[in-house]
Amino acid sequence: MSNDFDFDLSPGQWEALKALRNPVSNGRLAKAYVVESLVKLGLVVVDDGAPAMTPAGRKALVRGSCKLLDLAA
Protein backbone atom coordinates (compact mmCIF):
# COMPACT_ATOMS: atom_id res chain seq x y z
CA MET A 1 0.00 0.00 0.00
CA SER A 2 1.29 3.45 -0.85
CA ASN A 3 1.60 6.20 1.74
CA ASP A 4 1.46 8.95 -0.88
CA PHE A 5 -1.61 10.46 0.75
CA ASP A 6 -0.79 9.93 4.42
CA PHE A 7 -0.72 13.45 5.84
CA ASP A 8 -0.27 14.42 9.47
CA LEU A 9 -2.75 17.30 9.47
CA SER A 10 -3.79 19.41 12.43
CA PRO A 11 -7.39 19.26 13.65
CA GLY A 12 -8.01 22.64 12.02
CA GLN A 13 -6.72 21.36 8.67
CA TRP A 14 -8.96 18.29 8.89
CA GLU A 15 -11.94 20.53 9.69
CA ALA A 16 -11.14 22.75 6.70
CA LEU A 17 -10.96 19.71 4.40
CA LYS A 18 -14.26 18.42 5.76
CA ALA A 19 -15.83 21.84 5.20
CA LEU A 20 -14.70 21.82 1.56
CA ARG A 21 -16.70 18.65 0.84
CA ASN A 22 -19.71 20.91 0.34
CA PRO A 23 -19.64 24.27 -1.43
CA VAL A 24 -18.93 27.17 0.90
CA SER A 25 -21.88 29.55 0.81
CA ASN A 26 -19.86 32.76 0.67
CA GLY A 27 -16.79 31.21 -0.97
CA ARG A 28 -14.60 31.73 2.10
CA LEU A 29 -13.50 29.76 5.09
CA ALA A 30 -13.03 31.35 8.48
CA LYS A 31 -9.28 30.66 8.77
CA ALA A 32 -7.39 31.67 5.64
CA TYR A 33 -4.03 30.53 7.05
CA VAL A 34 -5.37 26.97 7.34
CA VAL A 35 -6.45 27.02 3.70
CA GLU A 36 -3.04 28.40 2.72
CA SER A 37 -1.33 25.51 4.53
CA LEU A 38 -3.55 23.03 2.66
CA VAL A 39 -2.71 24.74 -0.64
CA LYS A 40 1.01 24.30 0.12
CA LEU A 41 0.39 20.58 0.66
CA GLY A 42 -1.49 20.33 -2.66
CA LEU A 43 -4.76 19.35 -0.99
CA VAL A 44 -6.65 22.53 -1.88
CA VAL A 45 -6.57 25.03 -4.74
CA VAL A 46 -8.00 28.52 -4.80
CA ASP A 47 -10.04 29.11 -7.94
CA ASP A 48 -11.55 32.58 -8.47
CA GLY A 49 -10.96 33.31 -4.79
CA ALA A 50 -12.85 30.23 -3.57
CA PRO A 51 -11.04 27.21 -2.10
CA ALA A 52 -11.70 23.81 -3.66
CA MET A 53 -10.44 20.38 -2.72
CA THR A 54 -8.04 18.69 -5.15
CA PRO A 55 -8.15 14.97 -5.95
CA ALA A 56 -5.24 14.55 -3.52
CA GLY A 57 -7.28 16.38 -0.88
CA ARG A 58 -10.21 14.01 -1.39
CA LYS A 59 -7.90 11.01 -1.06
CA ALA A 60 -6.33 12.43 2.10
CA LEU A 61 -9.78 13.04 3.56
CA VAL A 62 -10.94 9.51 2.80
CA ARG A 63 -7.72 7.93 4.08
CA GLY A 64 -7.81 10.09 7.19
CA SER A 65 -11.43 9.33 8.00
CA CYS A 66 -10.44 7.18 10.98
CA LYS A 67 -8.44 10.10 12.37
CA LEU A 68 -11.47 12.34 12.04
CA LEU A 69 -13.38 10.08 14.42
CA ASP A 70 -10.83 10.97 17.10
CA LEU A 71 -11.61 14.67 16.61
CA ALA A 72 -15.28 14.11 17.46
CA ALA A 73 -14.44 12.66 20.89
PDB file of N, CA and C in Angstrom:
ATOM      1  N   MET A   1       0.843  -1.176   0.000  1.00  0.00           N
ATOM      2  CA  MET A   1       0.000   0.000   0.000  1.00  0.00           C
ATOM      3  C   MET A   1       0.890   1.242   0.000  1.00  0.00           C
ATOM      4  N   SER A   2       0.507   2.228  -0.731  1.00  0.00           N
ATOM      5  CA  SER A   2       1.287   3.453  -0.849  1.00  0.00           C
ATOM      6  C   SER A   2       0.891   4.444   0.231  1.00  0.00           C
ATOM      7  N   ASN A   3       1.868   5.162   0.750  1.00  0.00           N
ATOM      8  CA  ASN A   3       1.600   6.195   1.743  1.00  0.00           C
ATOM      9  C   ASN A   3       1.627   7.587   1.125  1.00  0.00           C
ATOM     10  N   ASP A   4       1.391   7.670  -0.181  1.00  0.00           N
ATOM     11  CA  ASP A   4       1.455   8.948  -0.882  1.00  0.00           C
ATOM     12  C   ASP A   4       0.507   9.982  -0.299  1.00  0.00           C
ATOM     13  N   PHE A   5      -0.592   9.529   0.281  1.00  0.00           N
ATOM     14  CA  PHE A   5      -1.608  10.455   0.749  1.00  0.00           C
ATOM     15  C   PHE A   5      -1.762  10.418   2.260  1.00  0.00           C
ATOM     16  N   ASP A   6      -0.736   9.983   2.965  1.00  0.00           N
ATOM     17  CA  ASP A   6      -0.790   9.925   4.416  1.00  0.00           C
ATOM     18  C   ASP A   6      -0.232  11.228   4.971  1.00  0.00           C
ATOM     19  N   PHE A   7      -1.122  12.144   5.343  1.00  0.00           N
ATOM     20  CA  PHE A   7      -0.724  13.450   5.842  1.00  0.00           C
ATOM     21  C   PHE A   7      -0.984  13.529   7.333  1.00  0.00           C
ATOM     22  N   ASP A   8      -0.089  14.188   8.048  1.00  0.00           N
ATOM     23  CA  ASP A   8      -0.266  14.424   9.472  1.00  0.00           C
ATOM     24  C   ASP A   8      -0.811  15.844   9.624  1.00  0.00           C
ATOM     25  N   LEU A   9      -2.115  15.984   9.451  1.00  0.00           N
ATOM     26  CA  LEU A   9      -2.753  17.304   9.474  1.00  0.00           C
ATOM     27  C   LEU A   9      -3.224  17.653  10.874  1.00  0.00           C
ATOM     28  N   SER A  10      -3.273  18.937  11.139  1.00  0.00           N
ATOM     29  CA  SER A  10      -3.785  19.414  12.426  1.00  0.00           C
ATOM     30  C   SER A  10      -5.306  19.272  12.426  1.00  0.00           C
ATOM     31  N   PRO A  11      -5.926  19.313  13.606  1.00  0.00           N
ATOM     32  CA  PRO A  11      -7.390  19.258  13.652  1.00  0.00           C
ATOM     33  C   PRO A  11      -8.045  20.369  12.817  1.00  0.00           C
ATOM     34  N   GLY A  12      -7.456  21.541  12.806  1.00  0.00           N
ATOM     35  CA  GLY A  12      -8.005  22.641  12.015  1.00  0.00           C
ATOM     36  C   GLY A  12      -7.939  22.359  10.522  1.00  0.00           C
ATOM     37  N   GLN A  13      -6.847  21.716  10.084  1.00  0.00           N
ATOM     38  CA  GLN A  13      -6.721  21.364   8.672  1.00  0.00           C
ATOM     39  C   GLN A  13      -7.739  20.297   8.286  1.00  0.00           C
ATOM     40  N   TRP A  14      -7.951  19.305   9.173  1.00  0.00           N
ATOM     41  CA  TRP A  14      -8.962  18.290   8.889  1.00  0.00           C
ATOM     42  C   TRP A  14     -10.338  18.934   8.803  1.00  0.00           C
ATOM     43  N   GLU A  15     -10.635  19.854   9.710  1.00  0.00           N
ATOM     44  CA  GLU A  15     -11.940  20.528   9.694  1.00  0.00           C
ATOM     45  C   GLU A  15     -12.125  21.326   8.408  1.00  0.00           C
ATOM     46  N   ALA A  16     -11.061  21.981   7.946  1.00  0.00           N
ATOM     47  CA  ALA A  16     -11.143  22.749   6.700  1.00  0.00           C
ATOM     48  C   ALA A  16     -11.397  21.817   5.518  1.00  0.00           C
ATOM     49  N   LEU A  17     -10.718  20.670   5.476  1.00  0.00           N
ATOM     50  CA  LEU A  17     -10.959  19.713   4.395  1.00  0.00           C
ATOM     51  C   LEU A  17     -12.395  19.204   4.439  1.00  0.00           C
ATOM     52  N   LYS A  18     -12.878  18.884   5.644  1.00  0.00           N
ATOM     53  CA  LYS A  18     -14.261  18.422   5.759  1.00  0.00           C
ATOM     54  C   LYS A  18     -15.227  19.491   5.280  1.00  0.00           C
ATOM     55  N   ALA A  19     -14.950  20.747   5.603  1.00  0.00           N
ATOM     56  CA  ALA A  19     -15.832  21.842   5.203  1.00  0.00           C
ATOM     57  C   ALA A  19     -15.853  22.011   3.687  1.00  0.00           C
ATOM     58  N   LEU A  20     -14.774  21.657   3.015  1.00  0.00           N
ATOM     59  CA  LEU A  20     -14.703  21.817   1.559  1.00  0.00           C
ATOM     60  C   LEU A  20     -15.425  20.701   0.800  1.00  0.00           C
ATOM     61  N   ARG A  21     -15.919  19.697   1.518  1.00  0.00           N
ATOM     62  CA  ARG A  21     -16.695  18.652   0.843  1.00  0.00           C
ATOM     63  C   ARG A  21     -17.935  19.251   0.199  1.00  0.00           C
ATOM     64  N   ASN A  22     -18.519  20.230   0.847  1.00  0.00           N
ATOM     65  CA  ASN A  22     -19.706  20.909   0.341  1.00  0.00           C
ATOM     66  C   ASN A  22     -19.316  22.322  -0.050  1.00  0.00           C
ATOM     67  N   PRO A  23     -19.979  22.893  -1.040  1.00  0.00           N
ATOM     68  CA  PRO A  23     -19.641  24.269  -1.434  1.00  0.00           C
ATOM     69  C   PRO A  23     -19.803  25.236  -0.265  1.00  0.00           C
ATOM     70  N   VAL A  24     -18.870  26.153  -0.146  1.00  0.00           N
ATOM     71  CA  VAL A  24     -18.931  27.170   0.900  1.00  0.00           C
ATOM     72  C   VAL A  24     -19.878  28.262   0.413  1.00  0.00           C
ATOM     73  N   SER A  25     -20.836  28.627   1.237  1.00  0.00           N
ATOM     74  CA  SER A  25     -21.877  29.549   0.806  1.00  0.00           C
ATOM     75  C   SER A  25     -21.338  30.900   0.344  1.00  0.00           C
ATOM     76  N   ASN A  26     -20.384  31.460   1.071  1.00  0.00           N
ATOM     77  CA  ASN A  26     -19.857  32.762   0.670  1.00  0.00           C
ATOM     78  C   ASN A  26     -18.500  32.652  -0.014  1.00  0.00           C
ATOM     79  N   GLY A  27     -18.052  31.412  -0.270  1.00  0.00           N
ATOM     80  CA  GLY A  27     -16.794  31.207  -0.973  1.00  0.00           C
ATOM     81  C   GLY A  27     -15.562  31.388  -0.110  1.00  0.00           C
ATOM     82  N   ARG A  28     -15.740  31.517   1.209  1.00  0.00           N
ATOM     83  CA  ARG A  28     -14.605  31.731   2.102  1.00  0.00           C
ATOM     84  C   ARG A  28     -14.712  30.830   3.305  1.00  0.00           C
ATOM     85  N   LEU A  29     -13.571  30.474   3.827  1.00  0.00           N
ATOM     86  CA  LEU A  29     -13.501  29.759   5.093  1.00  0.00           C
ATOM     87  C   LEU A  29     -13.036  30.733   6.159  1.00  0.00           C
ATOM     88  N   ALA A  30     -13.338  30.429   7.394  1.00  0.00           N
ATOM     89  CA  ALA A  30     -13.030  31.348   8.483  1.00  0.00           C
ATOM     90  C   ALA A  30     -11.524  31.568   8.661  1.00  0.00           C
ATOM     91  N   LYS A  31     -10.712  30.563   8.485  1.00  0.00           N
ATOM     92  CA  LYS A  31      -9.281  30.665   8.772  1.00  0.00           C
ATOM     93  C   LYS A  31      -8.471  30.529   7.490  1.00  0.00           C
ATOM     94  N   ALA A  32      -8.118  31.660   6.917  1.00  0.00           N
ATOM     95  CA  ALA A  32      -7.392  31.669   5.640  1.00  0.00           C
ATOM     96  C   ALA A  32      -6.031  30.998   5.762  1.00  0.00           C
ATOM     97  N   TYR A  33      -5.359  31.132   6.906  1.00  0.00           N
ATOM     98  CA  TYR A  33      -4.029  30.531   7.055  1.00  0.00           C
ATOM     99  C   TYR A  33      -4.098  29.015   7.000  1.00  0.00           C
ATOM    100  N   VAL A  34      -5.216  28.420   7.425  1.00  0.00           N
ATOM    101  CA  VAL A  34      -5.373  26.965   7.340  1.00  0.00           C
ATOM    102  C   VAL A  34      -5.506  26.561   5.879  1.00  0.00           C
ATOM    103  N   VAL A  35      -6.296  27.315   5.129  1.00  0.00           N
ATOM    104  CA  VAL A  35      -6.452  27.023   3.705  1.00  0.00           C
ATOM    105  C   VAL A  35      -5.110  27.163   2.998  1.00  0.00           C
ATOM    106  N   GLU A  36      -4.352  28.196   3.336  1.00  0.00           N
ATOM    107  CA  GLU A  36      -3.037  28.397   2.725  1.00  0.00           C
ATOM    108  C   GLU A  36      -2.118  27.208   2.997  1.00  0.00           C
ATOM    109  N   SER A  37      -2.181  26.660   4.209  1.00  0.00           N
ATOM    110  CA  SER A  37      -1.334  25.510   4.528  1.00  0.00           C
ATOM    111  C   SER A  37      -1.752  24.287   3.715  1.00  0.00           C
ATOM    112  N   LEU A  38      -3.058  24.143   3.468  1.00  0.00           N
ATOM    113  CA  LEU A  38      -3.545  23.032   2.659  1.00  0.00           C
ATOM    114  C   LEU A  38      -3.177  23.216   1.184  1.00  0.00           C
ATOM    115  N   VAL A  39      -3.142  24.456   0.725  1.00  0.00           N
ATOM    116  CA  VAL A  39      -2.708  24.743  -0.641  1.00  0.00           C
ATOM    117  C   VAL A  39      -1.248  24.335  -0.808  1.00  0.00           C
ATOM    118  N   LYS A  40      -0.405  24.657   0.176  1.00  0.00           N
ATOM    119  CA  LYS A  40       1.010  24.296   0.120  1.00  0.00           C
ATOM    120  C   LYS A  40       1.215  22.787   0.059  1.00  0.00           C
ATOM    121  N   LEU A  41       0.303  22.041   0.673  1.00  0.00           N
ATOM    122  CA  LEU A  41       0.386  20.580   0.656  1.00  0.00           C
ATOM    123  C   LEU A  41      -0.221  19.988  -0.614  1.00  0.00           C
ATOM    124  N   GLY A  42      -0.872  20.813  -1.430  1.00  0.00           N
ATOM    125  CA  GLY A  42      -1.493  20.329  -2.665  1.00  0.00           C
ATOM    126  C   GLY A  42      -2.856  19.703  -2.460  1.00  0.00           C
ATOM    127  N   LEU A  43      -3.463  19.940  -1.297  1.00  0.00           N
ATOM    128  CA  LEU A  43      -4.761  19.349  -0.993  1.00  0.00           C
ATOM    129  C   LEU A  43      -5.921  20.257  -1.383  1.00  0.00           C
ATOM    130  N   VAL A  44      -5.625  21.531  -1.551  1.00  0.00           N
ATOM    131  CA  VAL A  44      -6.645  22.531  -1.877  1.00  0.00           C
ATOM    132  C   VAL A  44      -6.065  23.478  -2.925  1.00  0.00           C
ATOM    133  N   VAL A  45      -6.929  23.965  -3.804  1.00  0.00           N
ATOM    134  CA  VAL A  45      -6.567  25.025  -4.741  1.00  0.00           C
ATOM    135  C   VAL A  45      -7.546  26.169  -4.531  1.00  0.00           C
ATOM    136  N   VAL A  46      -7.113  27.365  -4.880  1.00  0.00           N
ATOM    137  CA  VAL A  46      -8.003  28.524  -4.802  1.00  0.00           C
ATOM    138  C   VAL A  46      -8.313  28.921  -6.234  1.00  0.00           C
ATOM    139  N   ASP A  47      -9.582  28.818  -6.588  1.00  0.00           N
ATOM    140  CA  ASP A  47     -10.041  29.112  -7.944  1.00  0.00           C
ATOM    141  C   ASP A  47     -11.040  30.257  -7.873  1.00  0.00           C
ATOM    142  N   ASP A  48     -10.708  31.364  -8.507  1.00  0.00           N
ATOM    143  CA  ASP A  48     -11.550  32.576  -8.468  1.00  0.00           C
ATOM    144  C   ASP A  48     -11.827  33.014  -7.027  1.00  0.00           C
ATOM    145  N   GLY A  49     -10.833  32.870  -6.175  1.00  0.00           N
ATOM    146  CA  GLY A  49     -10.956  33.313  -4.792  1.00  0.00           C
ATOM    147  C   GLY A  49     -11.656  32.337  -3.867  1.00  0.00           C
ATOM    148  N   ALA A  50     -12.147  31.223  -4.394  1.00  0.00           N
ATOM    149  CA  ALA A  50     -12.846  30.234  -3.569  1.00  0.00           C
ATOM    150  C   ALA A  50     -12.002  28.964  -3.468  1.00  0.00           C
ATOM    151  N   PRO A  51     -11.809  28.447  -2.260  1.00  0.00           N
ATOM    152  CA  PRO A  51     -11.036  27.214  -2.100  1.00  0.00           C
ATOM    153  C   PRO A  51     -11.816  26.006  -2.594  1.00  0.00           C
ATOM    154  N   ALA A  52     -11.101  25.063  -3.196  1.00  0.00           N
ATOM    155  CA  ALA A  52     -11.704  23.813  -3.658  1.00  0.00           C
ATOM    156  C   ALA A  52     -10.725  22.676  -3.394  1.00  0.00           C
ATOM    157  N   MET A  53     -11.263  21.540  -3.023  1.00  0.00           N
ATOM    158  CA  MET A  53     -10.441  20.385  -2.724  1.00  0.00           C
ATOM    159  C   MET A  53      -9.909  19.777  -4.022  1.00  0.00           C
ATOM    160  N   THR A  54      -8.652  19.371  -4.007  1.00  0.00           N
ATOM    161  CA  THR A  54      -8.039  18.692  -5.145  1.00  0.00           C
ATOM    162  C   THR A  54      -8.316  17.192  -5.026  1.00  0.00           C
ATOM    163  N   PRO A  55      -8.042  16.428  -6.075  1.00  0.00           N
ATOM    164  CA  PRO A  55      -8.155  14.968  -5.951  1.00  0.00           C
ATOM    165  C   PRO A  55      -7.284  14.418  -4.807  1.00  0.00           C
ATOM    166  N   ALA A  56      -6.099  14.986  -4.628  1.00  0.00           N
ATOM    167  CA  ALA A  56      -5.237  14.554  -3.516  1.00  0.00           C
ATOM    168  C   ALA A  56      -5.888  14.889  -2.173  1.00  0.00           C
ATOM    169  N   GLY A  57      -6.576  16.006  -2.097  1.00  0.00           N
ATOM    170  CA  GLY A  57      -7.280  16.381  -0.879  1.00  0.00           C
ATOM    171  C   GLY A  57      -8.406  15.414  -0.559  1.00  0.00           C
ATOM    172  N   ARG A  58      -9.133  14.992  -1.589  1.00  0.00           N
ATOM    173  CA  ARG A  58     -10.208  14.010  -1.393  1.00  0.00           C
ATOM    174  C   ARG A  58      -9.642  12.684  -0.883  1.00  0.00           C
ATOM    175  N   LYS A  59      -8.516  12.261  -1.500  1.00  0.00           N
ATOM    176  CA  LYS A  59      -7.903  11.006  -1.062  1.00  0.00           C
ATOM    177  C   LYS A  59      -7.404  11.107   0.370  1.00  0.00           C
ATOM    178  N   ALA A  60      -6.816  12.244   0.721  1.00  0.00           N
ATOM    179  CA  ALA A  60      -6.329  12.428   2.097  1.00  0.00           C
ATOM    180  C   ALA A  60      -7.492  12.409   3.074  1.00  0.00           C
ATOM    181  N   LEU A  61      -8.613  13.006   2.689  1.00  0.00           N
ATOM    182  CA  LEU A  61      -9.781  13.039   3.564  1.00  0.00           C
ATOM    183  C   LEU A  61     -10.344  11.638   3.773  1.00  0.00           C
ATOM    184  N   VAL A  62     -10.424  10.871   2.693  1.00  0.00           N
ATOM    185  CA  VAL A  62     -10.936   9.506   2.801  1.00  0.00           C
ATOM    186  C   VAL A  62      -9.989   8.642   3.622  1.00  0.00           C
ATOM    187  N   ARG A  63      -8.696   8.742   3.347  1.00  0.00           N
ATOM    188  CA  ARG A  63      -7.716   7.934   4.082  1.00  0.00           C
ATOM    189  C   ARG A  63      -7.625   8.344   5.543  1.00  0.00           C
ATOM    190  N   GLY A  64      -7.889   9.612   5.821  1.00  0.00           N
ATOM    191  CA  GLY A  64      -7.809  10.094   7.191  1.00  0.00           C
ATOM    192  C   GLY A  64      -9.112  10.015   7.943  1.00  0.00           C
ATOM    193  N   SER A  65     -10.115   9.384   7.369  1.00  0.00           N
ATOM    194  CA  SER A  65     -11.429   9.333   8.005  1.00  0.00           C
ATOM    195  C   SER A  65     -11.375   8.760   9.410  1.00  0.00           C
ATOM    196  N   CYS A  66     -10.538   7.758   9.636  1.00  0.00           N
ATOM    197  CA  CYS A  66     -10.443   7.178  10.978  1.00  0.00           C
ATOM    198  C   CYS A  66      -9.874   8.185  11.960  1.00  0.00           C
ATOM    199  N   LYS A  67      -8.985   9.065  11.503  1.00  0.00           N
ATOM    200  CA  LYS A  67      -8.437  10.099  12.373  1.00  0.00           C
ATOM    201  C   LYS A  67      -9.495  11.133  12.719  1.00  0.00           C
ATOM    202  N   LEU A  68     -10.427  11.363  11.808  1.00  0.00           N
ATOM    203  CA  LEU A  68     -11.474  12.343  12.040  1.00  0.00           C
ATOM    204  C   LEU A  68     -12.411  11.891  13.149  1.00  0.00           C
ATOM    205  N   LEU A  69     -12.548  10.581  13.332  1.00  0.00           N
ATOM    206  CA  LEU A  69     -13.381  10.080  14.422  1.00  0.00           C
ATOM    207  C   LEU A  69     -12.801  10.489  15.772  1.00  0.00           C
ATOM    208  N   ASP A  70     -11.470  10.550  15.861  1.00  0.00           N
ATOM    209  CA  ASP A  70     -10.829  10.971  17.101  1.00  0.00           C
ATOM    210  C   ASP A  70     -11.130  12.432  17.417  1.00  0.00           C
ATOM    211  N   LEU A  71     -11.314  13.255  16.402  1.00  0.00           N
ATOM    212  CA  LEU A  71     -11.606  14.670  16.611  1.00  0.00           C
ATOM    213  C   LEU A  71     -12.981  14.876  17.232  1.00  0.00           C
ATOM    214  N   ALA A  72     -13.906  13.976  16.963  1.00  0.00           N
ATOM    215  CA  ALA A  72     -15.275  14.114  17.462  1.00  0.00           C
ATOM    216  C   ALA A  72     -15.363  13.808  18.951  1.00  0.00           C
ATOM    217  N   ALA A  73     -14.386  13.082  19.468  1.00  0.00           N
ATOM    218  CA  ALA A  73     -14.444  12.665  20.887  1.00  0.00           C
ATOM    219  C   ALA A  73     -14.145  13.809  21.825  1.00  0.00           C
TER     220      ALA A  73
END
